[in-house]
Amino acid sequence: MSTTRHLVNRQRRLATVAAAERTATTAATTTVTPEPAGPDTESEDSRPETTGTAGGEIPEGEGEGEPAREPEDKAPRSGRSLRLGISLPAVLCVLTVLLGSFAAWSFTSAGSLRDEPGRQNTALTDISRTSEVKGQITEAVGAVFSYNYASPAKADSAVKTYLVGKAVQQHKDMLAEVRAQAPKQKLVLTTTVTESGVELLDGDRARLLIFADQSNTRTGKSEETTYAAAMFAVDAVRRGGSWRISAIDTFSR
């Protein structure tokens, strides 16, 4: 009888201990295993810390009384590009019109200069004619402004050959004193052209600037020679295939 009671009591104690252990195990499992986090749930440790610049919060003392600033490299650049795209063709059109007008004016002006008689100067373009007039007038000046008391007829022949128009009387007036004193003082006047330049060459008309050296020698009892330099201009005309002096300008007026 006692043995049976002990067995029953033992089984009850074992069952109670087993139930207590199952209860403890179930409670421990419930406490240790966390519930799965939902899609909208964030832990406090995973949330980023917000600052005044990244989170949109403005620190104290900044931004008060200042207007909001727009980005400097985006909107302004697009505005400049738009303005340039509109104004550049207009500027090019204006420049084209101006250049066309200038070209037309230049062509008209050049034509008017060519049409004016006083502007038809070929001294720099007609090289052969320029050389021709220089050579012949150089020879003419040397001949008419040289005088030898022993052969006055040679000087008279030079005047008839190289002078025309008012240059004949001008030359006579210029050498009147030389002709008067030459027999007494036995004068020999020699003129040598050192340089000449053609100022104007228009068809059969020309104007030249002359540089010359002159020597005046008295061959009387005591020979004496004086030297002088001369500069003057002459107008020339072409007659009978040769150039002649038509006027003498000594720049005295």
C-alpha atoms as a PDB file:
ATOM      1  CA  MET A   1       0.000   0.000   0.000  1.00  0.00           C
ATOM      2  CA  SER A   2       2.736   2.460   0.878  1.00  0.00           C
ATOM      3  CA  THR A   3       4.688   1.503  -2.140  1.00  0.00           C
ATOM      4  CA  THR A   4       1.842   2.302  -4.452  1.00  0.00           C
ATOM      5  CA  ARG A   5       1.335   5.666  -2.756  1.00  0.00           C
ATOM      6  CA  HIS A   6       5.007   6.513  -3.161  1.00  0.00           C
ATOM      7  CA  LEU A   7       4.940   5.672  -6.838  1.00  0.00           C
ATOM      8  CA  VAL A   8       1.907   7.800  -7.436  1.00  0.00           C
ATOM      9  CA  ASN A   9       3.434  10.698  -5.553  1.00  0.00           C
ATOM     10  CA  ARG A  10       6.673  10.330  -7.442  1.00  0.00           C
ATOM     11  CA  GLN A  11       4.898  10.370 -10.792  1.00  0.00           C
ATOM     12  CA  ARG A  12       3.010  13.462  -9.756  1.00  0.00           C
ATOM     13  CA  ARG A  13       6.202  15.210  -8.723  1.00  0.00           C
ATOM     14  CA  LEU A  14       7.873  14.257 -12.017  1.00  0.00           C
ATOM     15  CA  ALA A  15       4.870  15.490 -13.986  1.00  0.00           C
ATOM     16  CA  THR A  16       4.883  18.755 -12.027  1.00  0.00           C
ATOM     17  CA  VAL A  17       8.626  19.246 -12.633  1.00  0.00           C
ATOM     18  CA  ALA A  18       8.232  18.480 -16.341  1.00  0.00           C
ATOM     19  CA  ALA A  19       5.358  20.927 -16.641  1.00  0.00           C
ATOM     20  CA  ALA A  20       7.365  23.577 -14.829  1.00  0.00           C
ATOM     21  CA  GLU A  21      10.331  23.020 -17.154  1.00  0.00           C
ATOM     22  CA  ARG A  22       8.099  23.274 -20.257  1.00  0.00           C
ATOM     23  CA  THR A  23       6.599  26.501 -18.930  1.00  0.00           C
ATOM     24  CA  ALA A  24      10.080  27.976 -18.290  1.00  0.00           C
ATOM     25  CA  THR A  25      11.293  26.934 -21.722  1.00  0.00           C
ATOM     26  CA  THR A  26       8.268  28.528 -23.411  1.00  0.00           C
ATOM     27  CA  ALA A  27       8.749  31.807 -21.502  1.00  0.00           C
ATOM     28  CA  ALA A  28      12.437  31.918 -22.333  1.00  0.00           C
ATOM     29  CA  THR A  29      11.716  31.382 -26.010  1.00  0.00           C
ATOM     30  CA  THR A  30       9.123  34.127 -26.032  1.00  0.00           C
ATOM     31  CA  THR A  31      11.545  36.618 -24.381  1.00  0.00           C
ATOM     32  CA  VAL A  32      14.659  35.904 -26.521  1.00  0.00           C
ATOM     33  CA  THR A  33      13.117  35.753 -30.020  1.00  0.00           C
ATOM     34  CA  PRO A  34      12.355  39.354 -31.276  1.00  0.00           C
ATOM     35  CA  GLU A  35       9.356  40.107 -33.386  1.00  0.00           C
ATOM     36  CA  PRO A  36      10.144  40.824 -37.052  1.00  0.00           C
ATOM     37  CA  ALA A  37      10.267  44.532 -37.860  1.00  0.00           C
ATOM     38  CA  GLY A  38       7.605  45.893 -40.210  1.00  0.00           C
ATOM     39  CA  PRO A  39       8.382  47.698 -43.497  1.00  0.00           C
ATOM     40  CA  ASP A  40       7.744  51.114 -41.966  1.00  0.00           C
ATOM     41  CA  THR A  41       9.536  50.452 -38.702  1.00  0.00           C
ATOM     42  CA  GLU A  42      13.015  51.826 -38.143  1.00  0.00           C
ATOM     43  CA  SER A  43      15.169  51.373 -35.158  1.00  0.00           C
ATOM     44  CA  GLU A  44      16.525  54.413 -33.505  1.00  0.00           C
ATOM     45  CA  ASP A  45      20.101  53.316 -34.210  1.00  0.00           C
ATOM     46  CA  SER A  46      19.526  53.008 -37.996  1.00  0.00           C
ATOM     47  CA  ARG A  47      18.051  56.495 -38.398  1.00  0.00           C
ATOM     48  CA  PRO A  48      20.608  59.042 -39.723  1.00  0.00           C
ATOM     49  CA  GLU A  49      21.372  61.974 -37.566  1.00  0.00           C
ATOM     50  CA  THR A  50      20.064  65.207 -39.045  1.00  0.00           C
ATOM     51  CA  THR A  51      22.114  68.391 -39.179  1.00  0.00           C
ATOM     52  CA  GLY A  52      21.338  71.910 -40.071  1.00  0.00           C
ATOM     53  CA  THR A  53      22.716  71.554 -43.616  1.00  0.00           C
ATOM     54  CA  ALA A  54      21.724  68.038 -44.644  1.00  0.00           C
ATOM     55  CA  GLY A  55      18.332  67.707 -42.879  1.00  0.00           C
ATOM     56  CA  GLY A  56      16.992  71.092 -43.923  1.00  0.00           C
ATOM     57  CA  GLU A  57      17.119  72.602 -40.424  1.00  0.00           C
ATOM     58  CA  ILE A  58      18.759  76.007 -40.366  1.00  0.00           C
ATOM     59  CA  PRO A  59      21.196  76.539 -37.491  1.00  0.00           C
ATOM     60  CA  GLU A  60      20.446  79.346 -35.144  1.00  0.00           C
ATOM     61  CA  GLY A  61      21.805  82.723 -36.234  1.00  0.00           C
ATOM     62  CA  GLU A  62      22.020  81.817 -39.941  1.00  0.00           C
ATOM     63  CA  GLY A  63      19.635  82.736 -42.752  1.00  0.00           C
ATOM     64  CA  GLU A  64      17.901  85.497 -40.833  1.00  0.00           C
ATOM     65  CA  GLY A  65      17.191  88.528 -43.021  1.00  0.00           C
ATOM     66  CA  GLU A  66      18.935  87.043 -46.137  1.00  0.00           C
ATOM     67  CA  PRO A  67      17.014  86.169 -49.327  1.00  0.00           C
ATOM     68  CA  ALA A  68      17.232  82.684 -50.660  1.00  0.00           C
ATOM     69  CA  ARG A  69      20.077  82.220 -53.128  1.00  0.00           C
ATOM     70  CA  GLU A  70      19.612  80.396 -56.381  1.00  0.00           C
ATOM     71  CA  PRO A  71      22.393  78.264 -57.896  1.00  0.00           C
ATOM     72  CA  GLU A  72      24.876  80.459 -59.751  1.00  0.00           C
ATOM     73  CA  ASP A  73      25.881  78.095 -62.579  1.00  0.00           C
ATOM     74  CA  LYS A  74      22.520  76.899 -63.898  1.00  0.00           C
ATOM     75  CA  ALA A  75      19.822  79.505 -64.471  1.00  0.00           C
ATOM     76  CA  PRO A  76      22.180  82.400 -65.341  1.00  0.00           C
ATOM     77  CA  ARG A  77      24.029  80.306 -67.921  1.00  0.00           C
ATOM     78  CA  SER A  78      20.840  79.262 -69.622  1.00  0.00           C
ATOM     79  CA  GLY A  79      19.725  82.894 -69.696  1.00  0.00           C
ATOM     80  CA  ARG A  80      22.997  84.008 -71.298  1.00  0.00           C
ATOM     81  CA  SER A  81      22.787  81.227 -73.849  1.00  0.00           C
ATOM     82  CA  LEU A  82      19.277  82.306 -74.784  1.00  0.00           C
ATOM     83  CA  ARG A  83      20.280  85.929 -75.152  1.00  0.00           C
ATOM     84  CA  LEU A  84      23.317  85.062 -77.269  1.00  0.00           C
ATOM     85  CA  GLY A  85      21.274  82.785 -79.458  1.00  0.00           C
ATOM     86  CA  ILE A  86      18.917  85.661 -80.214  1.00  0.00           C
ATOM     87  CA  SER A  87      21.372  88.562 -80.548  1.00  0.00           C
ATOM     88  CA  LEU A  88      24.225  86.955 -82.503  1.00  0.00           C
ATOM     89  CA  PRO A  89      22.345  86.642 -85.826  1.00  0.00           C
ATOM     90  CA  ALA A  90      21.118  90.206 -85.445  1.00  0.00           C
ATOM     91  CA  VAL A  91      24.679  91.459 -84.898  1.00  0.00           C
ATOM     92  CA  LEU A  92      25.902  89.526 -87.924  1.00  0.00           C
ATOM     93  CA  CYS A  93      23.128  90.999 -90.065  1.00  0.00           C
ATOM     94  CA  VAL A  94      24.046  94.530 -88.968  1.00  0.00           C
ATOM     95  CA  LEU A  95      27.728  93.939 -89.708  1.00  0.00           C
ATOM     96  CA  THR A  96      26.883  92.548 -93.142  1.00  0.00           C
ATOM     97  CA  VAL A  97      24.824  95.624 -93.973  1.00  0.00           C
ATOM     98  CA  LEU A  98      27.548  97.977 -92.746  1.00  0.00           C
ATOM     99  CA  LEU A  99      30.305  96.204 -94.682  1.00  0.00           C
ATOM    100  CA  GLY A 100      28.176  96.169 -97.816  1.00  0.00           C
ATOM    101  CA  SER A 101      27.480  99.880 -97.488  1.00  0.00           C
ATOM    102  CA  PHE A 102      31.185 100.625 -96.942  1.00  0.00           C
ATOM    103  CA  ALA A 103      32.154  98.567-100.003  1.00  0.00           C
ATOM    104  CA  ALA A 104      29.601 100.398-102.153  1.00  0.00           C
ATOM    105  CA  TRP A 105      30.820 103.781-100.881  1.00  0.00           C
ATOM    106  CA  SER A 106      34.457 102.864-101.523  1.00  0.00           C
ATOM    107  CA  PHE A 107      33.694 101.715-105.060  1.00  0.00           C
ATOM    108  CA  THR A 108      31.762 104.907-105.804  1.00  0.00           C
ATOM    109  CA  SER A 109      34.493 107.115-104.326  1.00  0.00           C
ATOM    110  CA  ALA A 110      37.206 105.319-106.274  1.00  0.00           C
ATOM    111  CA  GLY A 111      35.191 105.732-109.470  1.00  0.00           C
ATOM    112  CA  SER A 112      34.729 109.448-108.887  1.00  0.00           C
ATOM    113  CA  LEU A 113      38.455 109.882-108.259  1.00  0.00           C
ATOM    114  CA  ARG A 114      39.254 108.067-111.480  1.00  0.00           C
ATOM    115  CA  ASP A 115      36.791 110.262-113.388  1.00  0.00           C
ATOM    116  CA  GLU A 116      38.315 113.549-112.185  1.00  0.00           C
ATOM    117  CA  PRO A 117      40.938 114.862-114.650  1.00  0.00           C
ATOM    118  CA  GLY A 118      43.213 116.053-111.844  1.00  0.00           C
ATOM    119  CA  ARG A 119      43.245 112.585-110.273  1.00  0.00           C
ATOM    120  CA  GLN A 120      44.447 110.619-113.308  1.00  0.00           C
ATOM    121  CA  ASN A 121      48.037 110.255-112.114  1.00  0.00           C
ATOM    122  CA  THR A 122      49.920 107.312-113.568  1.00  0.00           C
ATOM    123  CA  ALA A 123      53.362 108.311-112.301  1.00  0.00           C
ATOM    124  CA  LEU A 124      53.558 105.218-110.088  1.00  0.00           C
ATOM    125  CA  THR A 125      51.845 102.791-112.445  1.00  0.00           C
ATOM    126  CA  ASP A 126      53.199 103.640-115.898  1.00  0.00           C
ATOM    127  CA  ILE A 127      56.853 102.887-115.267  1.00  0.00           C
ATOM    128  CA  SER A 128      58.054 103.202-118.862  1.00  0.00           C
ATOM    129  CA  ARG A 129      56.388 106.575-119.431  1.00  0.00           C
ATOM    130  CA  THR A 130      57.681 107.857-116.078  1.00  0.00           C
ATOM    131  CA  SER A 131      61.228 106.837-116.967  1.00  0.00           C
ATOM    132  CA  GLU A 132      60.877 108.460-120.390  1.00  0.00           C
ATOM    133  CA  VAL A 133      59.776 111.843-119.081  1.00  0.00           C
ATOM    134  CA  LYS A 134      62.454 111.855-116.362  1.00  0.00           C
ATOM    135  CA  GLY A 135      65.242 111.144-118.839  1.00  0.00           C
ATOM    136  CA  GLN A 136      64.184 113.730-121.414  1.00  0.00           C
ATOM    137  CA  ILE A 137      63.461 116.517-118.917  1.00  0.00           C
ATOM    138  CA  THR A 138      66.751 115.883-117.123  1.00  0.00           C
ATOM    139  CA  GLU A 139      68.551 116.402-120.427  1.00  0.00           C
ATOM    140  CA  ALA A 140      66.466 119.493-121.181  1.00  0.00           C
ATOM    141  CA  VAL A 141      67.200 121.167-117.828  1.00  0.00           C
ATOM    142  CA  GLY A 142      70.944 120.572-118.202  1.00  0.00           C
ATOM    143  CA  ALA A 143      70.899 122.087-121.676  1.00  0.00           C
ATOM    144  CA  VAL A 144      68.800 125.219-121.155  1.00  0.00           C
ATOM    145  CA  PHE A 145      70.328 126.172-117.792  1.00  0.00           C
ATOM    146  CA  SER A 146      73.913 125.910-119.006  1.00  0.00           C
ATOM    147  CA  TYR A 147      75.580 128.824-120.840  1.00  0.00           C
ATOM    148  CA  ASN A 148      79.008 129.377-122.340  1.00  0.00           C
ATOM    149  CA  TYR A 149      80.023 132.898-123.309  1.00  0.00           C
ATOM    150  CA  ALA A 150      82.081 131.459-126.192  1.00  0.00           C
ATOM    151  CA  SER A 151      79.064 129.710-127.833  1.00  0.00           C
ATOM    152  CA  PRO A 152      75.816 131.573-127.145  1.00  0.00           C
ATOM    153  CA  ALA A 153      74.218 130.008-130.212  1.00  0.00           C
ATOM    154  CA  LYS A 154      74.234 126.611-128.489  1.00  0.00           C
ATOM    155  CA  ALA A 155      72.157 128.032-125.643  1.00  0.00           C
ATOM    156  CA  ASP A 156      69.720 129.585-128.139  1.00  0.00           C
ATOM    157  CA  SER A 157      69.351 126.225-129.907  1.00  0.00           C
ATOM    158  CA  ALA A 158      68.626 124.496-126.605  1.00  0.00           C
ATOM    159  CA  VAL A 159      65.875 127.013-125.866  1.00  0.00           C
ATOM    160  CA  LYS A 160      64.177 126.299-129.200  1.00  0.00           C
ATOM    161  CA  THR A 161      64.493 122.534-128.736  1.00  0.00           C
ATOM    162  CA  TYR A 162      63.382 122.065-125.142  1.00  0.00           C
ATOM    163  CA  LEU A 163      61.161 125.039-124.195  1.00  0.00           C
ATOM    164  CA  VAL A 164      57.576 125.845-125.201  1.00  0.00           C
ATOM    165  CA  GLY A 165      54.852 128.167-123.988  1.00  0.00           C
ATOM    166  CA  LYS A 166      55.544 130.522-121.126  1.00  0.00           C
ATOM    167  CA  ALA A 167      58.733 128.663-120.213  1.00  0.00           C
ATOM    168  CA  VAL A 168      60.486 130.532-123.039  1.00  0.00           C
ATOM    169  CA  GLN A 169      59.955 133.954-121.443  1.00  0.00           C
ATOM    170  CA  GLN A 170      60.599 132.632-117.945  1.00  0.00           C
ATOM    171  CA  HIS A 171      63.948 131.229-119.017  1.00  0.00           C
ATOM    172  CA  LYS A 172      64.865 134.498-120.754  1.00  0.00           C
ATOM    173  CA  ASP A 173      64.191 136.497-117.596  1.00  0.00           C
ATOM    174  CA  MET A 174      66.115 134.075-115.396  1.00  0.00           C
ATOM    175  CA  LEU A 175      69.284 134.111-117.548  1.00  0.00           C
ATOM    176  CA  ALA A 176      69.174 137.774-118.594  1.00  0.00           C
ATOM    177  CA  GLU A 177      71.926 138.843-116.182  1.00  0.00           C
ATOM    178  CA  VAL A 178      74.108 135.878-117.111  1.00  0.00           C
ATOM    179  CA  ARG A 179      73.852 136.736-120.795  1.00  0.00           C
ATOM    180  CA  ALA A 180      74.674 140.378-120.050  1.00  0.00           C
ATOM    181  CA  GLN A 181      77.771 139.678-117.912  1.00  0.00           C
ATOM    182  CA  ALA A 182      79.036 136.619-119.774  1.00  0.00           C
ATOM    183  CA  PRO A 183      81.154 138.390-122.496  1.00  0.00           C
ATOM    184  CA  LYS A 184      82.870 140.695-119.966  1.00  0.00           C
ATOM    185  CA  GLN A 185      83.570 138.118-117.270  1.00  0.00           C
ATOM    186  CA  LYS A 186      83.894 135.198-119.658  1.00  0.00           C
ATOM    187  CA  LEU A 187      81.263 133.209-117.736  1.00  0.00           C
ATOM    188  CA  VAL A 188      80.626 129.518-118.070  1.00  0.00           C
ATOM    189  CA  LEU A 189      77.490 128.304-116.318  1.00  0.00           C
ATOM    190  CA  THR A 190      77.029 124.545-115.953  1.00  0.00           C
ATOM    191  CA  THR A 191      73.927 122.907-114.527  1.00  0.00           C
ATOM    192  CA  THR A 192      73.793 119.194-113.590  1.00  0.00           C
ATOM    193  CA  VAL A 193      70.595 117.502-112.454  1.00  0.00           C
ATOM    194  CA  THR A 194      71.313 115.365-109.394  1.00  0.00           C
ATOM    195  CA  GLU A 195      67.808 114.074-108.755  1.00  0.00           C
ATOM    196  CA  SER A 196      64.312 114.345-110.205  1.00  0.00           C
ATOM    197  CA  GLY A 197      60.897 113.022-109.358  1.00  0.00           C
ATOM    198  CA  VAL A 198      57.668 112.855-111.296  1.00  0.00           C
ATOM    199  CA  GLU A 199      54.846 114.362-109.240  1.00  0.00           C
ATOM    200  CA  LEU A 200      52.156 114.038-111.902  1.00  0.00           C
ATOM    201  CA  LEU A 201      51.864 112.057-115.102  1.00  0.00           C
ATOM    202  CA  ASP A 202      48.571 112.344-116.936  1.00  0.00           C
ATOM    203  CA  GLY A 203      48.739 111.347-120.573  1.00  0.00           C
ATOM    204  CA  ASP A 204      50.872 113.956-122.343  1.00  0.00           C
ATOM    205  CA  ARG A 205      51.182 116.225-119.301  1.00  0.00           C
ATOM    206  CA  ALA A 206      53.659 115.909-116.443  1.00  0.00           C
ATOM    207  CA  ARG A 207      55.081 117.814-113.497  1.00  0.00           C
ATOM    208  CA  LEU A 208      58.531 117.124-112.104  1.00  0.00           C
ATOM    209  CA  LEU A 209      60.543 118.257-109.097  1.00  0.00           C
ATOM    210  CA  ILE A 210      64.172 118.965-109.986  1.00  0.00           C
ATOM    211  CA  PHE A 211      67.303 119.044-107.798  1.00  0.00           C
ATOM    212  CA  ALA A 212      70.439 120.402-109.500  1.00  0.00           C
ATOM    213  CA  ASP A 213      73.983 121.567-108.826  1.00  0.00           C
ATOM    214  CA  GLN A 214      75.257 124.687-110.603  1.00  0.00           C
ATOM    215  CA  SER A 215      78.807 125.903-111.087  1.00  0.00           C
ATOM    216  CA  ASN A 216      79.567 129.420-112.319  1.00  0.00           C
ATOM    217  CA  THR A 217      83.124 129.911-113.544  1.00  0.00           C
ATOM    218  CA  ARG A 218      84.772 133.238-114.464  1.00  0.00           C
ATOM    219  CA  THR A 219      87.672 132.595-116.860  1.00  0.00           C
ATOM    220  CA  GLY A 220      89.047 136.145-117.052  1.00  0.00           C
ATOM    221  CA  LYS A 221      92.332 137.336-115.575  1.00  0.00           C
ATOM    222  CA  SER A 222      91.704 135.465-112.342  1.00  0.00           C
ATOM    223  CA  GLU A 223      89.689 132.297-112.668  1.00  0.00           C
ATOM    224  CA  GLU A 224      87.037 131.886-110.004  1.00  0.00           C
ATOM    225  CA  THR A 225      84.300 129.246-109.607  1.00  0.00           C
ATOM    226  CA  THR A 226      81.285 129.387-107.387  1.00  0.00           C
ATOM    227  CA  TYR A 227      78.873 126.550-106.651  1.00  0.00           C
ATOM    228  CA  ALA A 228      75.231 126.565-105.760  1.00  0.00           C
ATOM    229  CA  ALA A 229      72.366 124.099-105.373  1.00  0.00           C
ATOM    230  CA  ALA A 230      68.993 124.659-106.951  1.00  0.00           C
ATOM    231  CA  MET A 231      65.552 123.191-106.485  1.00  0.00           C
ATOM    232  CA  PHE A 232      62.582 123.986-108.698  1.00  0.00           C
ATOM    233  CA  ALA A 233      59.645 122.347-110.473  1.00  0.00           C
ATOM    234  CA  VAL A 234      58.827 122.184-114.168  1.00  0.00           C
ATOM    235  CA  ASP A 235      55.677 121.405-116.099  1.00  0.00           C
ATOM    236  CA  ALA A 236      56.198 119.321-119.195  1.00  0.00           C
ATOM    237  CA  VAL A 237      54.177 118.454-122.293  1.00  0.00           C
ATOM    238  CA  ARG A 238      54.767 115.796-124.898  1.00  0.00           C
ATOM    239  CA  ARG A 239      54.917 117.132-128.460  1.00  0.00           C
ATOM    240  CA  GLY A 240      56.148 115.419-131.560  1.00  0.00           C
ATOM    241  CA  GLY A 241      57.176 112.330-129.609  1.00  0.00           C
ATOM    242  CA  SER A 242      59.402 114.237-127.142  1.00  0.00           C
ATOM    243  CA  TRP A 243      58.888 115.950-123.791  1.00  0.00           C
ATOM    244  CA  ARG A 244      59.372 119.713-123.510  1.00  0.00           C
ATOM    245  CA  ILE A 245      59.342 122.152-120.598  1.00  0.00           C
ATOM    246  CA  SER A 246      56.214 124.317-120.674  1.00  0.00           C
ATOM    247  CA  ALA A 247      56.574 126.161-117.326  1.00  0.00           C
ATOM    248  CA  ILE A 248      59.193 126.757-114.645  1.00  0.00           C
ATOM    249  CA  ASP A 249      58.308 127.145-110.971  1.00  0.00           C
ATOM    250  CA  THR A 250      61.083 128.450-108.697  1.00  0.00           C
ATOM    251  CA  PHE A 251      58.793 128.650-105.612  1.00  0.00           C
ATOM    252  CA  SER A 252      59.641 132.357-105.324  1.00  0.00           C
ATOM    253  CA  ARG A 253      56.016 133.448-104.853  1.00  0.00           C
END
